[in-house]
Amino acid sequence: MIQITPTCSIDETSIEWQFIRASGPGGQNVNKVATAVQLRYTLPEARMFPDGAHARLVRLAGSRVTEGGVLILNARRFRSQERNRQEAMAKLV
């Protein structure tokens, strides 16, 4: 479980990871290795969150939430897949 607040947590199995090729500088490494990370989290029913938190989350996420209720976070700042994964998780929390 990933602790968001003392009263709210997310099950790690509900997070889907996709690894994609990053664009930008980095030499030949960016053409060969999928270092960019895309985190996908299907927002659960509003009852999992405290009152009003689900609506607030959707409002704050804006265009990062699809019509199907999937939150998509991208991380591609680092040349390492692991560092980008950590950054995506930090954005979620």
PDB file of N, CA and C in Angstrom:
ATOM      1  N   MET A   1       0.837  -1.188   0.000  1.00  0.00           N
ATOM      2  CA  MET A   1       0.000   0.000   0.000  1.00  0.00           C
ATOM      3  C   MET A   1       0.882   1.251   0.000  1.00  0.00           C
ATOM      4  N   ILE A   2       0.459   2.227  -0.759  1.00  0.00           N
ATOM      5  CA  ILE A   2       1.155   3.507  -0.823  1.00  0.00           C
ATOM      6  C   ILE A   2       0.353   4.495   0.009  1.00  0.00           C
ATOM      7  N   GLN A   3       0.963   5.028   1.040  1.00  0.00           N
ATOM      8  CA  GLN A   3       0.280   5.944   1.949  1.00  0.00           C
ATOM      9  C   GLN A   3       0.270   7.349   1.349  1.00  0.00           C
ATOM     10  N   ILE A   4      -0.915   7.899   1.112  1.00  0.00           N
ATOM     11  CA  ILE A   4      -1.063   9.256   0.592  1.00  0.00           C
ATOM     12  C   ILE A   4      -1.213  10.229   1.758  1.00  0.00           C
ATOM     13  N   THR A   5      -2.142   9.936   2.640  1.00  0.00           N
ATOM     14  CA  THR A   5      -2.357  10.693   3.875  1.00  0.00           C
ATOM     15  C   THR A   5      -2.543   9.658   4.985  1.00  0.00           C
ATOM     16  N   PRO A   6      -2.618  10.077   6.237  1.00  0.00           N
ATOM     17  CA  PRO A   6      -2.849   9.093   7.303  1.00  0.00           C
ATOM     18  C   PRO A   6      -4.134   8.274   7.123  1.00  0.00           C
ATOM     19  N   THR A   7      -5.114   8.818   6.398  1.00  0.00           N
ATOM     20  CA  THR A   7      -6.389   8.114   6.232  1.00  0.00           C
ATOM     21  C   THR A   7      -6.624   7.594   4.822  1.00  0.00           C
ATOM     22  N   CYS A   8      -5.709   7.839   3.902  1.00  0.00           N
ATOM     23  CA  CYS A   8      -5.922   7.457   2.503  1.00  0.00           C
ATOM     24  C   CYS A   8      -4.679   6.762   1.955  1.00  0.00           C
ATOM     25  N   SER A   9      -4.885   5.607   1.329  1.00  0.00           N
ATOM     26  CA  SER A   9      -3.774   4.881   0.723  1.00  0.00           C
ATOM     27  C   SER A   9      -4.229   4.275  -0.603  1.00  0.00           C
ATOM     28  N   ILE A  10      -3.252   3.919  -1.426  1.00  0.00           N
ATOM     29  CA  ILE A  10      -3.513   3.348  -2.745  1.00  0.00           C
ATOM     30  C   ILE A  10      -2.859   1.976  -2.808  1.00  0.00           C
ATOM     31  N   ASP A  11      -3.579   1.026  -3.357  1.00  0.00           N
ATOM     32  CA  ASP A  11      -3.031  -0.314  -3.553  1.00  0.00           C
ATOM     33  C   ASP A  11      -2.066  -0.271  -4.739  1.00  0.00           C
ATOM     34  N   GLU A  12      -0.829  -0.711  -4.537  1.00  0.00           N
ATOM     35  CA  GLU A  12       0.193  -0.661  -5.590  1.00  0.00           C
ATOM     36  C   GLU A  12      -0.208  -1.453  -6.827  1.00  0.00           C
ATOM     37  N   THR A  13      -1.013  -2.483  -6.660  1.00  0.00           N
ATOM     38  CA  THR A  13      -1.415  -3.291  -7.810  1.00  0.00           C
ATOM     39  C   THR A  13      -2.382  -2.550  -8.726  1.00  0.00           C
ATOM     40  N   SER A  14      -2.935  -1.431  -8.275  1.00  0.00           N
ATOM     41  CA  SER A  14      -3.846  -0.659  -9.114  1.00  0.00           C
ATOM     42  C   SER A  14      -3.105   0.331 -10.016  1.00  0.00           C
ATOM     43  N   ILE A  15      -1.779   0.367  -9.911  1.00  0.00           N
ATOM     44  CA  ILE A  15      -0.968   1.257 -10.745  1.00  0.00           C
ATOM     45  C   ILE A  15      -0.411   0.459 -11.913  1.00  0.00           C
ATOM     46  N   GLU A  16      -0.566   0.999 -13.105  1.00  0.00           N
ATOM     47  CA  GLU A  16      -0.033   0.367 -14.310  1.00  0.00           C
ATOM     48  C   GLU A  16       1.124   1.220 -14.823  1.00  0.00           C
ATOM     49  N   TRP A  17       2.229   0.576 -15.165  1.00  0.00           N
ATOM     50  CA  TRP A  17       3.418   1.275 -15.653  1.00  0.00           C
ATOM     51  C   TRP A  17       3.618   0.969 -17.131  1.00  0.00           C
ATOM     52  N   GLN A  18       3.966   2.010 -17.891  1.00  0.00           N
ATOM     53  CA  GLN A  18       4.379   1.828 -19.278  1.00  0.00           C
ATOM     54  C   GLN A  18       5.704   2.545 -19.444  1.00  0.00           C
ATOM     55  N   PHE A  19       6.616   1.912 -20.144  1.00  0.00           N
ATOM     56  CA  PHE A  19       7.931   2.498 -20.371  1.00  0.00           C
ATOM     57  C   PHE A  19       8.060   2.798 -21.857  1.00  0.00           C
ATOM     58  N   ILE A  20       8.369   4.053 -22.151  1.00  0.00           N
ATOM     59  CA  ILE A  20       8.410   4.519 -23.532  1.00  0.00           C
ATOM     60  C   ILE A  20       9.727   5.236 -23.798  1.00  0.00           C
ATOM     61  N   ARG A  21      10.052   5.392 -25.057  1.00  0.00           N
ATOM     62  CA  ARG A  21      11.279   6.103 -25.412  1.00  0.00           C
ATOM     63  C   ARG A  21      11.101   7.584 -25.148  1.00  0.00           C
ATOM     64  N   ALA A  22      12.110   8.161 -24.538  1.00  0.00           N
ATOM     65  CA  ALA A  22      12.087   9.591 -24.245  1.00  0.00           C
ATOM     66  C   ALA A  22      12.607  10.359 -25.452  1.00  0.00           C
ATOM     67  N   SER A  23      12.162  11.588 -25.591  1.00  0.00           N
ATOM     68  CA  SER A  23      12.678  12.443 -26.648  1.00  0.00           C
ATOM     69  C   SER A  23      13.699  13.403 -26.058  1.00  0.00           C
ATOM     70  N   GLY A  24      14.393  14.107 -26.911  1.00  0.00           N
ATOM     71  CA  GLY A  24      15.335  15.114 -26.441  1.00  0.00           C
ATOM     72  C   GLY A  24      16.759  14.618 -26.404  1.00  0.00           C
ATOM     73  N   PRO A  25      17.645  15.411 -25.793  1.00  0.00           N
ATOM     74  CA  PRO A  25      19.063  15.064 -25.782  1.00  0.00           C
ATOM     75  C   PRO A  25      19.338  13.804 -24.969  1.00  0.00           C
ATOM     76  N   GLY A  26      20.433  13.177 -25.277  1.00  0.00           N
ATOM     77  CA  GLY A  26      20.809  11.966 -24.559  1.00  0.00           C
ATOM     78  C   GLY A  26      21.606  11.028 -25.433  1.00  0.00           C
ATOM     79  N   GLY A  27      21.948  11.501 -26.630  1.00  0.00           N
ATOM     80  CA  GLY A  27      22.744  10.672 -27.523  1.00  0.00           C
ATOM     81  C   GLY A  27      21.964   9.480 -28.023  1.00  0.00           C
ATOM     82  N   GLN A  28      22.683   8.444 -28.378  1.00  0.00           N
ATOM     83  CA  GLN A  28      22.055   7.242 -28.924  1.00  0.00           C
ATOM     84  C   GLN A  28      21.219   6.502 -27.886  1.00  0.00           C
ATOM     85  N   ASN A  29      21.464   6.757 -26.617  1.00  0.00           N
ATOM     86  CA  ASN A  29      20.729   6.068 -25.551  1.00  0.00           C
ATOM     87  C   ASN A  29      19.225   6.268 -25.689  1.00  0.00           C
ATOM     88  N   VAL A  30      18.776   7.481 -26.057  1.00  0.00           N
ATOM     89  CA  VAL A  30      17.335   7.728 -26.148  1.00  0.00           C
ATOM     90  C   VAL A  30      16.696   6.959 -27.286  1.00  0.00           C
ATOM     91  N   ASN A  31      17.480   6.570 -28.284  1.00  0.00           N
ATOM     92  CA  ASN A  31      16.938   5.816 -29.409  1.00  0.00           C
ATOM     93  C   ASN A  31      16.837   4.322 -29.113  1.00  0.00           C
ATOM     94  N   LYS A  32      17.546   3.853 -28.105  1.00  0.00           N
ATOM     95  CA  LYS A  32      17.615   2.416 -27.829  1.00  0.00           C
ATOM     96  C   LYS A  32      16.853   1.979 -26.585  1.00  0.00           C
ATOM     97  N   VAL A  33      16.745   2.847 -25.603  1.00  0.00           N
ATOM     98  CA  VAL A  33      16.243   2.448 -24.290  1.00  0.00           C
ATOM     99  C   VAL A  33      14.956   3.208 -23.955  1.00  0.00           C
ATOM    100  N   ALA A  34      13.972   2.493 -23.445  1.00  0.00           N
ATOM    101  CA  ALA A  34      12.708   3.114 -23.033  1.00  0.00           C
ATOM    102  C   ALA A  34      12.860   3.623 -21.606  1.00  0.00           C
ATOM    103  N   THR A  35      13.346   4.857 -21.454  1.00  0.00           N
ATOM    104  CA  THR A  35      13.593   5.395 -20.116  1.00  0.00           C
ATOM    105  C   THR A  35      12.444   6.246 -19.592  1.00  0.00           C
ATOM    106  N   ALA A  36      11.614   6.783 -20.480  1.00  0.00           N
ATOM    107  CA  ALA A  36      10.487   7.590 -20.023  1.00  0.00           C
ATOM    108  C   ALA A  36       9.428   6.673 -19.413  1.00  0.00           C
ATOM    109  N   VAL A  37       8.715   7.195 -18.429  1.00  0.00           N
ATOM    110  CA  VAL A  37       7.740   6.402 -17.684  1.00  0.00           C
ATOM    111  C   VAL A  37       6.367   7.053 -17.779  1.00  0.00           C
ATOM    112  N   GLN A  38       5.365   6.217 -17.963  1.00  0.00           N
ATOM    113  CA  GLN A  38       3.984   6.687 -17.922  1.00  0.00           C
ATOM    114  C   GLN A  38       3.266   5.877 -16.843  1.00  0.00           C
ATOM    115  N   LEU A  39       2.801   6.566 -15.816  1.00  0.00           N
ATOM    116  CA  LEU A  39       2.067   5.939 -14.718  1.00  0.00           C
ATOM    117  C   LEU A  39       0.585   6.109 -15.006  1.00  0.00           C
ATOM    118  N   ARG A  40      -0.167   5.021 -14.908  1.00  0.00           N
ATOM    119  CA  ARG A  40      -1.620   5.067 -15.117  1.00  0.00           C
ATOM    120  C   ARG A  40      -2.296   4.527 -13.861  1.00  0.00           C
ATOM    121  N   TYR A  41      -3.209   5.327 -13.337  1.00  0.00           N
ATOM    122  CA  TYR A  41      -3.937   4.926 -12.138  1.00  0.00           C
ATOM    123  C   TYR A  41      -5.418   5.168 -12.378  1.00  0.00           C
ATOM    124  N   THR A  42      -6.198   4.104 -12.345  1.00  0.00           N
ATOM    125  CA  THR A  42      -7.641   4.233 -12.511  1.00  0.00           C
ATOM    126  C   THR A  42      -8.217   4.727 -11.198  1.00  0.00           C
ATOM    127  N   LEU A  43      -8.821   5.897 -11.249  1.00  0.00           N
ATOM    128  CA  LEU A  43      -9.375   6.492 -10.033  1.00  0.00           C
ATOM    129  C   LEU A  43     -10.530   5.637  -9.530  1.00  0.00           C
ATOM    130  N   PRO A  44     -10.470   5.240  -8.284  1.00  0.00           N
ATOM    131  CA  PRO A  44     -11.522   4.390  -7.724  1.00  0.00           C
ATOM    132  C   PRO A  44     -12.805   5.185  -7.480  1.00  0.00           C
ATOM    133  N   GLU A  45     -13.780   4.482  -7.018  1.00  0.00           N
ATOM    134  CA  GLU A  45     -15.038   5.132  -6.658  1.00  0.00           C
ATOM    135  C   GLU A  45     -14.790   6.210  -5.609  1.00  0.00           C
ATOM    136  N   ALA A  46     -15.597   7.222  -5.605  1.00  0.00           N
ATOM    137  CA  ALA A  46     -15.432   8.351  -4.680  1.00  0.00           C
ATOM    138  C   ALA A  46     -15.494   7.918  -3.219  1.00  0.00           C
ATOM    139  N   ARG A  47     -16.123   6.805  -2.929  1.00  0.00           N
ATOM    140  CA  ARG A  47     -16.264   6.391  -1.526  1.00  0.00           C
ATOM    141  C   ARG A  47     -14.924   6.019  -0.886  1.00  0.00           C
ATOM    142  N   MET A  48     -13.897   5.730  -1.685  1.00  0.00           N
ATOM    143  CA  MET A  48     -12.588   5.393  -1.129  1.00  0.00           C
ATOM    144  C   MET A  48     -11.917   6.627  -0.522  1.00  0.00           C
ATOM    145  N   PHE A  49     -12.211   7.785  -1.078  1.00  0.00           N
ATOM    146  CA  PHE A  49     -11.595   9.026  -0.633  1.00  0.00           C
ATOM    147  C   PHE A  49     -12.491   9.742   0.372  1.00  0.00           C
ATOM    148  N   PRO A  50     -11.909  10.589   1.216  1.00  0.00           N
ATOM    149  CA  PRO A  50     -12.725  11.403   2.123  1.00  0.00           C
ATOM    150  C   PRO A  50     -13.674  12.305   1.325  1.00  0.00           C
ATOM    151  N   ASP A  51     -14.699  12.815   1.978  1.00  0.00           N
ATOM    152  CA  ASP A  51     -15.709  13.645   1.315  1.00  0.00           C
ATOM    153  C   ASP A  51     -15.078  14.739   0.458  1.00  0.00           C
ATOM    154  N   GLY A  52     -15.476  14.797  -0.800  1.00  0.00           N
ATOM    155  CA  GLY A  52     -15.023  15.843  -1.704  1.00  0.00           C
ATOM    156  C   GLY A  52     -13.635  15.659  -2.286  1.00  0.00           C
ATOM    157  N   ALA A  53     -12.865  14.714  -1.779  1.00  0.00           N
ATOM    158  CA  ALA A  53     -11.481  14.551  -2.238  1.00  0.00           C
ATOM    159  C   ALA A  53     -11.413  14.031  -3.675  1.00  0.00           C
ATOM    160  N   HIS A  54     -12.330  13.145  -4.053  1.00  0.00           N
ATOM    161  CA  HIS A  54     -12.320  12.598  -5.410  1.00  0.00           C
ATOM    162  C   HIS A  54     -12.560  13.708  -6.432  1.00  0.00           C
ATOM    163  N   ALA A  55     -13.569  14.521  -6.208  1.00  0.00           N
ATOM    164  CA  ALA A  55     -13.869  15.624  -7.131  1.00  0.00           C
ATOM    165  C   ALA A  55     -12.719  16.619  -7.181  1.00  0.00           C
ATOM    166  N   ARG A  56     -12.102  16.876  -6.040  1.00  0.00           N
ATOM    167  CA  ARG A  56     -10.966  17.806  -5.984  1.00  0.00           C
ATOM    168  C   ARG A  56      -9.781  17.246  -6.765  1.00  0.00           C
ATOM    169  N   LEU A  57      -9.525  15.948  -6.627  1.00  0.00           N
ATOM    170  CA  LEU A  57      -8.438  15.303  -7.351  1.00  0.00           C
ATOM    171  C   LEU A  57      -8.652  15.413  -8.860  1.00  0.00           C
ATOM    172  N   VAL A  58      -9.848  15.128  -9.322  1.00  0.00           N
ATOM    173  CA  VAL A  58     -10.154  15.209 -10.750  1.00  0.00           C
ATOM    174  C   VAL A  58      -9.992  16.645 -11.243  1.00  0.00           C
ATOM    175  N   ARG A  59     -10.442  17.603 -10.449  1.00  0.00           N
ATOM    176  CA  ARG A  59     -10.326  19.014 -10.834  1.00  0.00           C
ATOM    177  C   ARG A  59      -8.861  19.441 -10.913  1.00  0.00           C
ATOM    178  N   LEU A  60      -8.055  19.062  -9.921  1.00  0.00           N
ATOM    179  CA  LEU A  60      -6.643  19.446  -9.905  1.00  0.00           C
ATOM    180  C   LEU A  60      -5.844  18.758 -11.014  1.00  0.00           C
ATOM    181  N   ALA A  61      -6.191  17.526 -11.328  1.00  0.00           N
ATOM    182  CA  ALA A  61      -5.460  16.785 -12.359  1.00  0.00           C
ATOM    183  C   ALA A  61      -5.762  17.312 -13.754  1.00  0.00           C
ATOM    184  N   GLY A  62      -6.937  17.890 -13.931  1.00  0.00           N
ATOM    185  CA  GLY A  62      -7.286  18.496 -15.219  1.00  0.00           C
ATOM    186  C   GLY A  62      -7.208  17.516 -16.373  1.00  0.00           C
ATOM    187  N   SER A  63      -6.427  17.874 -17.386  1.00  0.00           N
ATOM    188  CA  SER A  63      -6.348  17.065 -18.604  1.00  0.00           C
ATOM    189  C   SER A  63      -5.571  15.767 -18.413  1.00  0.00           C
ATOM    190  N   ARG A  64      -4.969  15.568 -17.258  1.00  0.00           N
ATOM    191  CA  ARG A  64      -4.250  14.313 -17.005  1.00  0.00           C
ATOM    192  C   ARG A  64      -5.196  13.172 -16.651  1.00  0.00           C
ATOM    193  N   VAL A  65      -6.487  13.469 -16.497  1.00  0.00           N
ATOM    194  CA  VAL A  65      -7.488  12.429 -16.242  1.00  0.00           C
ATOM    195  C   VAL A  65      -8.303  12.236 -17.515  1.00  0.00           C
ATOM    196  N   THR A  66      -8.365  10.993 -17.984  1.00  0.00           N
ATOM    197  CA  THR A  66      -9.129  10.699 -19.189  1.00  0.00           C
ATOM    198  C   THR A  66     -10.620  10.668 -18.853  1.00  0.00           C
ATOM    199  N   GLU A  67     -11.439  10.623 -19.891  1.00  0.00           N
ATOM    200  CA  GLU A  67     -12.886  10.535 -19.667  1.00  0.00           C
ATOM    201  C   GLU A  67     -13.258   9.238 -18.965  1.00  0.00           C
ATOM    202  N   GLY A  68     -12.424   8.225 -19.105  1.00  0.00           N
ATOM    203  CA  GLY A  68     -12.671   6.943 -18.453  1.00  0.00           C
ATOM    204  C   GLY A  68     -12.224   6.907 -17.004  1.00  0.00           C
ATOM    205  N   GLY A  69     -11.697   8.036 -16.492  1.00  0.00           N
ATOM    206  CA  GLY A  69     -11.291   8.107 -15.094  1.00  0.00           C
ATOM    207  C   GLY A  69      -9.897   7.582 -14.813  1.00  0.00           C
ATOM    208  N   VAL A  70      -9.025   7.596 -15.825  1.00  0.00           N
ATOM    209  CA  VAL A  70      -7.651   7.134 -15.640  1.00  0.00           C
ATOM    210  C   VAL A  70      -6.734   8.347 -15.524  1.00  0.00           C
ATOM    211  N   LEU A  71      -5.991   8.408 -14.433  1.00  0.00           N
ATOM    212  CA  LEU A  71      -5.007   9.467 -14.214  1.00  0.00           C
ATOM    213  C   LEU A  71      -3.711   9.035 -14.886  1.00  0.00           C
ATOM    214  N   ILE A  72      -3.163   9.889 -15.755  1.00  0.00           N
ATOM    215  CA  ILE A  72      -1.931   9.574 -16.479  1.00  0.00           C
ATOM    216  C   ILE A  72      -0.868  10.594 -16.103  1.00  0.00           C
ATOM    217  N   LEU A  73       0.244  10.095 -15.569  1.00  0.00           N
ATOM    218  CA  LEU A  73       1.370  10.950 -15.194  1.00  0.00           C
ATOM    219  C   LEU A  73       2.599  10.504 -15.971  1.00  0.00           C
ATOM    220  N   ASN A  74       3.280  11.457 -16.602  1.00  0.00           N
ATOM    221  CA  ASN A  74       4.488  11.167 -17.371  1.00  0.00           C
ATOM    222  C   ASN A  74       5.710  11.687 -16.644  1.00  0.00           C
ATOM    223  N   ALA A  75       6.806  10.957 -16.760  1.00  0.00           N
ATOM    224  CA  ALA A  75       8.088  11.384 -16.201  1.00  0.00           C
ATOM    225  C   ALA A  75       9.176  11.002 -17.194  1.00  0.00           C
ATOM    226  N   ARG A  76       9.939  12.003 -17.641  1.00  0.00           N
ATOM    227  CA  ARG A  76      10.994  11.729 -18.613  1.00  0.00           C
ATOM    228  C   ARG A  76      12.204  12.627 -18.410  1.00  0.00           C
ATOM    229  N   ARG A  77      12.311  13.210 -17.236  1.00  0.00           N
ATOM    230  CA  ARG A  77      13.378  14.160 -16.956  1.00  0.00           C
ATOM    231  C   ARG A  77      14.750  13.501 -16.875  1.00  0.00           C
ATOM    232  N   PHE A  78      14.801  12.290 -16.361  1.00  0.00           N
ATOM    233  CA  PHE A  78      16.078  11.621 -16.128  1.00  0.00           C
ATOM    234  C   PHE A  78      16.403  10.625 -17.245  1.00  0.00           C
ATOM    235  N   ARG A  79      17.664  10.250 -17.344  1.00  0.00           N
ATOM    236  CA  ARG A  79      18.091   9.271 -18.346  1.00  0.00           C
ATOM    237  C   ARG A  79      17.931   7.848 -17.832  1.00  0.00           C
ATOM    238  N   SER A  80      17.532   7.697 -16.590  1.00  0.00           N
ATOM    239  CA  SER A  80      17.364   6.384 -15.972  1.00  0.00           C
ATOM    240  C   SER A  80      15.876   6.075 -15.797  1.00  0.00           C
ATOM    241  N   GLN A  81      15.491   4.865 -16.178  1.00  0.00           N
ATOM    242  CA  GLN A  81      14.102   4.441 -16.017  1.00  0.00           C
ATOM    243  C   GLN A  81      13.691   4.455 -14.547  1.00  0.00           C
ATOM    244  N   GLU A  82      14.567   4.006 -13.674  1.00  0.00           N
ATOM    245  CA  GLU A  82      14.252   3.952 -12.242  1.00  0.00           C
ATOM    246  C   GLU A  82      14.026   5.346 -11.668  1.00  0.00           C
ATOM    247  N   ARG A  83      14.864   6.304 -12.029  1.00  0.00           N
ATOM    248  CA  ARG A  83      14.692   7.676 -11.525  1.00  0.00           C
ATOM    249  C   ARG A  83      13.389   8.283 -12.043  1.00  0.00           C
ATOM    250  N   ASN A  84      13.052   8.013 -13.295  1.00  0.00           N
ATOM    251  CA  ASN A  84      11.792   8.509 -13.844  1.00  0.00           C
ATOM    252  C   ASN A  84      10.606   7.840 -13.160  1.00  0.00           C
ATOM    253  N   ARG A  85      10.750   6.591 -12.815  1.00  0.00           N
ATOM    254  CA  ARG A  85       9.686   5.880 -12.088  1.00  0.00           C
ATOM    255  C   ARG A  85       9.469   6.511 -10.711  1.00  0.00           C
ATOM    256  N   GLN A  86      10.565   6.837 -10.026  1.00  0.00           N
ATOM    257  CA  GLN A  86      10.471   7.497  -8.721  1.00  0.00           C
ATOM    258  C   GLN A  86       9.814   8.868  -8.847  1.00  0.00           C
ATOM    259  N   GLU A  87      10.153   9.596  -9.910  1.00  0.00           N
ATOM    260  CA  GLU A  87       9.558  10.916 -10.115  1.00  0.00           C
ATOM    261  C   GLU A  87       8.052  10.811 -10.364  1.00  0.00           C
ATOM    262  N   ALA A  88       7.635   9.838 -11.168  1.00  0.00           N
ATOM    263  CA  ALA A  88       6.209   9.645 -11.434  1.00  0.00           C
ATOM    264  C   ALA A  88       5.461   9.302 -10.148  1.00  0.00           C
ATOM    265  N   MET A  89       6.058   8.458  -9.316  1.00  0.00           N
ATOM    266  CA  MET A  89       5.431   8.093  -8.044  1.00  0.00           C
ATOM    267  C   MET A  89       5.339   9.308  -7.129  1.00  0.00           C
ATOM    268  N   ALA A  90       6.364  10.148  -7.119  1.00  0.00           N
ATOM    269  CA  ALA A  90       6.338  11.363  -6.297  1.00  0.00           C
ATOM    270  C   ALA A  90       5.233  12.307  -6.765  1.00  0.00           C
ATOM    271  N   LYS A  91       4.996  12.368  -8.060  1.00  0.00           N
ATOM    272  CA  LYS A  91       3.909  13.204  -8.587  1.00  0.00           C
ATOM    273  C   LYS A  91       2.554  12.683  -8.114  1.00  0.00           C
ATOM    274  N   LEU A  92       2.420  11.367  -8.055  1.00  0.00           N
ATOM    275  CA  LEU A  92       1.157  10.768  -7.621  1.00  0.00           C
ATOM    276  C   LEU A  92       0.881  11.057  -6.155  1.00  0.00           C
ATOM    277  N   VAL A  93       1.900  10.923  -5.337  1.00  0.00           N
ATOM    278  CA  VAL A  93       1.742  11.102  -3.893  1.00  0.00           C
ATOM    279  C   VAL A  93       1.711  12.576  -3.576  1.00  0.00           C
TER     280      VAL A  93
END
